[in-house]
Amino acid sequence: MAYTLQIGESAPDFNLLATDGKRYSLENFADAKALVLWFTCNHCPFVQGSDEVTRETALKYGPQGVAFVAVNSNSATSYPDDSYEKMIERIDEHKFPWTYLHDEKQETALAYGGLRTPHFYVFDADRKLIYTGRAVDSPKDSEKITSYDLNNALDDYLAGREVAVPLTNPIGCNIKWEGKDKKWMPAEACDLVLN
């Protein structure tokens, strides 16, 4: 059994509230040539260390028809900084160029098999998975980045090439699951599935 979505599989649909007060599903991004969806949060140092790098990616590829959608699935019970209200504060402060969705019930994280924050998924025009893993090899310290894996995948796809490296290990904090029954999933799954 695979814990996380596999290359070639279809994007699971969702219906989630965004920081702009509207609800979004896959249909809202139907016109995009590609969809980049990633699991993120407010407090994680790996997210905070790489958000500006992700911003550069979104500003570069957004005009080329790529939609960028961030999903916060962390339990606000465990981490109050990851609450919906704090999401609104963060997006207002930083003006990130993406849609920021709240997966309050954590159903989207389970459907995709989100392992870490951040954990990226790239889907083609048919919403088949063509890349999953990290955006860069040093998300906590952008000065040490040597590999821009997300950009490389998007470059390959937009040029009509097969993605050369479709799978990498996401680097970051575990998604913070509500309760104890799902705590097992992120740590072990990362080694089992992605190595």
Protein backbone atom coordinates (compact mmCIF):
# COMPACT_ATOMS: atom_id res chain seq x y z
CA MET A 1 0.00 0.00 0.00
CA ALA A 2 1.26 3.47 -0.87
CA TYR A 3 0.66 6.22 1.66
CA THR A 4 1.15 9.07 -0.76
CA LEU A 5 -0.20 9.70 -4.26
CA GLN A 6 1.79 7.91 -6.95
CA ILE A 7 3.09 9.28 -10.26
CA GLY A 8 0.36 9.05 -12.90
CA GLU A 9 -2.53 9.09 -10.44
CA SER A 10 -5.30 11.67 -10.63
CA ALA A 11 -5.58 14.63 -8.28
CA PRO A 12 -8.22 13.97 -5.62
CA ASP A 13 -10.86 16.68 -5.56
CA PHE A 14 -11.42 18.91 -2.55
CA ASN A 15 -13.78 21.61 -1.35
CA LEU A 16 -11.86 23.86 1.00
CA LEU A 17 -12.17 27.33 2.46
CA ALA A 18 -9.49 29.81 1.41
CA THR A 19 -8.14 32.85 3.22
CA ASP A 20 -10.23 35.05 0.89
CA GLY A 21 -13.42 33.57 2.40
CA LYS A 22 -14.31 31.58 -0.74
CA ARG A 23 -14.39 27.80 -1.20
CA TYR A 24 -12.27 26.16 -3.90
CA SER A 25 -12.19 22.81 -5.69
CA LEU A 26 -10.20 21.46 -8.63
CA GLU A 27 -12.79 23.00 -10.96
CA ASN A 28 -11.64 26.49 -9.97
CA PHE A 29 -8.26 25.76 -11.57
CA ALA A 30 -9.55 23.86 -14.61
CA ASP A 31 -8.01 26.29 -17.13
CA ALA A 32 -4.47 25.97 -15.78
CA LYS A 33 -1.87 24.12 -17.88
CA ALA A 34 -0.51 22.65 -14.66
CA LEU A 35 -1.44 22.67 -11.01
CA VAL A 36 1.09 22.91 -8.19
CA LEU A 37 -0.53 21.92 -4.91
CA TRP A 38 1.47 21.68 -1.73
CA PHE A 39 0.94 21.06 1.95
CA THR A 40 2.22 23.86 4.11
CA CYS A 41 1.44 25.73 7.32
CA ASN A 42 2.27 28.93 9.17
CA HIS A 43 4.76 27.92 11.85
CA CYS A 44 7.15 25.39 10.26
CA PRO A 45 10.73 26.69 9.87
CA PHE A 46 11.11 24.74 6.61
CA VAL A 47 8.07 26.57 5.22
CA GLN A 48 9.18 29.94 6.53
CA GLY A 49 12.69 29.37 5.17
CA SER A 50 11.46 28.62 1.66
CA ASP A 51 8.31 30.70 1.19
CA GLU A 52 10.19 33.42 -0.68
CA VAL A 53 11.72 30.80 -2.99
CA THR A 54 8.23 29.43 -3.60
CA ARG A 55 7.04 32.98 -4.28
CA GLU A 56 9.70 33.34 -6.99
CA THR A 57 8.56 30.06 -8.54
CA ALA A 58 4.91 31.15 -8.51
CA LEU A 59 5.77 34.52 -10.06
CA LYS A 60 7.87 32.83 -12.74
CA TYR A 61 5.47 30.09 -13.78
CA GLY A 62 2.10 31.63 -12.94
CA PRO A 63 2.16 33.76 -16.11
CA GLN A 64 2.88 30.55 -18.06
CA GLY A 65 -0.45 29.07 -17.00
CA VAL A 66 0.52 27.24 -13.82
CA ALA A 67 -1.84 27.50 -10.83
CA PHE A 68 -0.39 27.50 -7.31
CA VAL A 69 -2.47 26.22 -4.41
CA ALA A 70 -1.21 25.88 -0.83
CA VAL A 71 -3.06 23.70 1.70
CA ASN A 72 -2.71 23.95 5.46
CA SER A 73 -3.81 20.66 7.03
CA ASN A 74 -2.14 21.07 10.41
CA SER A 75 -4.21 20.64 13.56
CA ALA A 76 -4.88 24.03 15.13
CA THR A 77 -5.59 22.16 18.36
CA SER A 78 -1.94 21.12 18.53
CA TYR A 79 -0.56 24.25 16.88
CA PRO A 80 -2.75 27.35 17.36
CA ASP A 81 -0.40 29.27 15.02
CA ASP A 82 -1.81 27.14 12.19
CA SER A 83 -5.42 28.23 12.73
CA TYR A 84 -7.52 29.65 9.90
CA GLU A 85 -7.37 33.10 11.51
CA LYS A 86 -3.57 32.96 11.61
CA MET A 87 -3.55 31.83 7.95
CA ILE A 88 -5.44 35.00 7.03
CA GLU A 89 -2.98 37.11 9.02
CA ARG A 90 0.00 35.48 7.30
CA ILE A 91 -1.29 35.79 3.75
CA ASP A 92 -2.29 39.42 4.41
CA GLU A 93 1.15 40.19 5.81
CA HIS A 94 3.20 38.50 3.11
CA LYS A 95 0.90 38.90 0.06
CA PHE A 96 1.79 35.46 -1.26
CA PRO A 97 0.76 34.93 -4.92
CA TRP A 98 -1.19 31.72 -4.37
CA THR A 99 -4.51 30.44 -3.10
CA TYR A 100 -4.20 29.39 0.55
CA LEU A 101 -6.68 26.69 1.60
CA HIS A 102 -7.63 25.38 5.04
CA ASP A 103 -7.98 21.60 5.29
CA GLU A 104 -9.61 21.72 8.71
CA LYS A 105 -10.78 18.08 8.68
CA GLN A 106 -7.42 16.90 7.25
CA GLU A 107 -9.27 14.90 4.59
CA THR A 108 -7.30 16.44 1.72
CA ALA A 109 -3.97 15.64 3.38
CA LEU A 110 -5.10 12.04 3.79
CA ALA A 111 -6.37 11.81 0.19
CA TYR A 112 -3.07 13.09 -1.22
CA GLY A 113 -0.88 11.40 1.35
CA GLY A 114 0.73 14.65 2.44
CA LEU A 115 3.81 13.81 4.49
CA ARG A 116 5.55 17.04 5.37
CA THR A 117 5.37 20.81 5.32
CA PRO A 118 6.19 21.63 2.63
CA HIS A 119 5.30 18.69 0.33
CA PHE A 120 4.68 19.53 -3.33
CA TYR A 121 2.56 17.82 -6.00
CA VAL A 122 2.58 18.85 -9.67
CA PHE A 123 -0.28 17.80 -11.94
CA ASP A 124 -0.45 18.11 -15.73
CA ALA A 125 -3.36 19.53 -17.74
CA ASP A 126 -5.29 16.28 -17.22
CA ARG A 127 -4.52 16.51 -13.49
CA LYS A 128 -2.31 13.45 -13.49
CA LEU A 129 0.60 13.56 -11.04
CA ILE A 130 3.92 14.21 -12.78
CA TYR A 131 6.08 15.29 -9.84
CA THR A 132 5.98 15.00 -6.05
CA GLY A 133 8.43 15.81 -3.28
CA ARG A 134 10.47 18.85 -2.38
CA ALA A 135 10.71 22.20 -4.13
CA VAL A 136 14.37 22.67 -3.24
CA ASP A 137 17.03 20.66 -1.45
CA SER A 138 17.50 23.16 1.40
CA PRO A 139 14.11 24.64 2.33
CA LYS A 140 15.18 25.74 5.79
CA ASP A 141 18.18 27.74 4.55
CA SER A 142 17.74 29.16 1.07
CA GLU A 143 21.39 30.20 0.87
CA LYS A 144 22.37 26.52 0.74
CA ILE A 145 20.05 25.51 -2.13
CA THR A 146 21.80 23.58 -4.88
CA SER A 147 18.79 21.93 -6.58
CA TYR A 148 15.51 23.56 -7.64
CA ASP A 149 13.54 20.35 -8.14
CA LEU A 150 10.09 21.93 -8.51
CA ASN A 151 11.34 24.42 -11.10
CA ASN A 152 13.11 21.64 -12.98
CA ALA A 153 9.91 19.59 -13.12
CA LEU A 154 7.90 22.57 -14.38
CA ASP A 155 10.57 23.40 -16.97
CA ASP A 156 10.46 19.83 -18.28
CA TYR A 157 6.68 19.73 -18.44
CA LEU A 158 6.18 23.15 -20.03
CA ALA A 159 8.83 22.30 -22.65
CA GLY A 160 6.92 19.14 -23.55
CA ARG A 161 9.48 16.81 -22.01
CA GLU A 162 8.92 13.97 -19.59
CA VAL A 163 9.86 15.08 -16.09
CA ALA A 164 13.42 13.83 -15.62
CA VAL A 165 13.17 13.45 -11.84
CA PRO A 166 9.51 12.89 -10.94
CA LEU A 167 10.07 11.86 -7.31
CA THR A 168 12.11 13.37 -4.49
CA ASN A 169 11.88 13.25 -0.70
CA PRO A 170 9.90 16.11 0.82
CA ILE A 171 11.97 17.91 3.46
CA GLY A 172 10.21 19.52 6.40
CA CYS A 173 8.13 19.01 9.52
CA ASN A 174 5.57 16.25 9.77
CA ILE A 175 1.98 17.28 9.18
CA LYS A 176 0.42 17.76 12.62
CA TRP A 177 -2.49 15.32 12.79
CA GLU A 178 -5.48 15.79 15.05
CA GLY A 179 -5.42 13.20 17.85
CA LYS A 180 -2.97 10.34 18.19
CA ASP A 181 -4.46 7.80 15.80
CA LYS A 182 -2.71 9.24 12.73
CA LYS A 183 0.62 10.23 14.29
CA TRP A 184 2.25 7.14 12.81
CA MET A 185 1.65 8.12 9.22
CA PRO A 186 4.08 10.88 8.21
CA ALA A 187 7.39 9.72 9.71
CA GLU A 188 7.31 6.09 8.62
CA ALA A 189 5.55 6.75 5.34
CA CYS A 190 8.28 9.09 4.17
CA ASP A 191 10.92 6.35 4.40
CA LEU A 192 8.70 3.56 3.10
CA VAL A 193 7.35 5.32 0.07
CA LEU A 194 9.82 7.90 -1.10
CA ASN A 195 13.26 6.41 -0.51
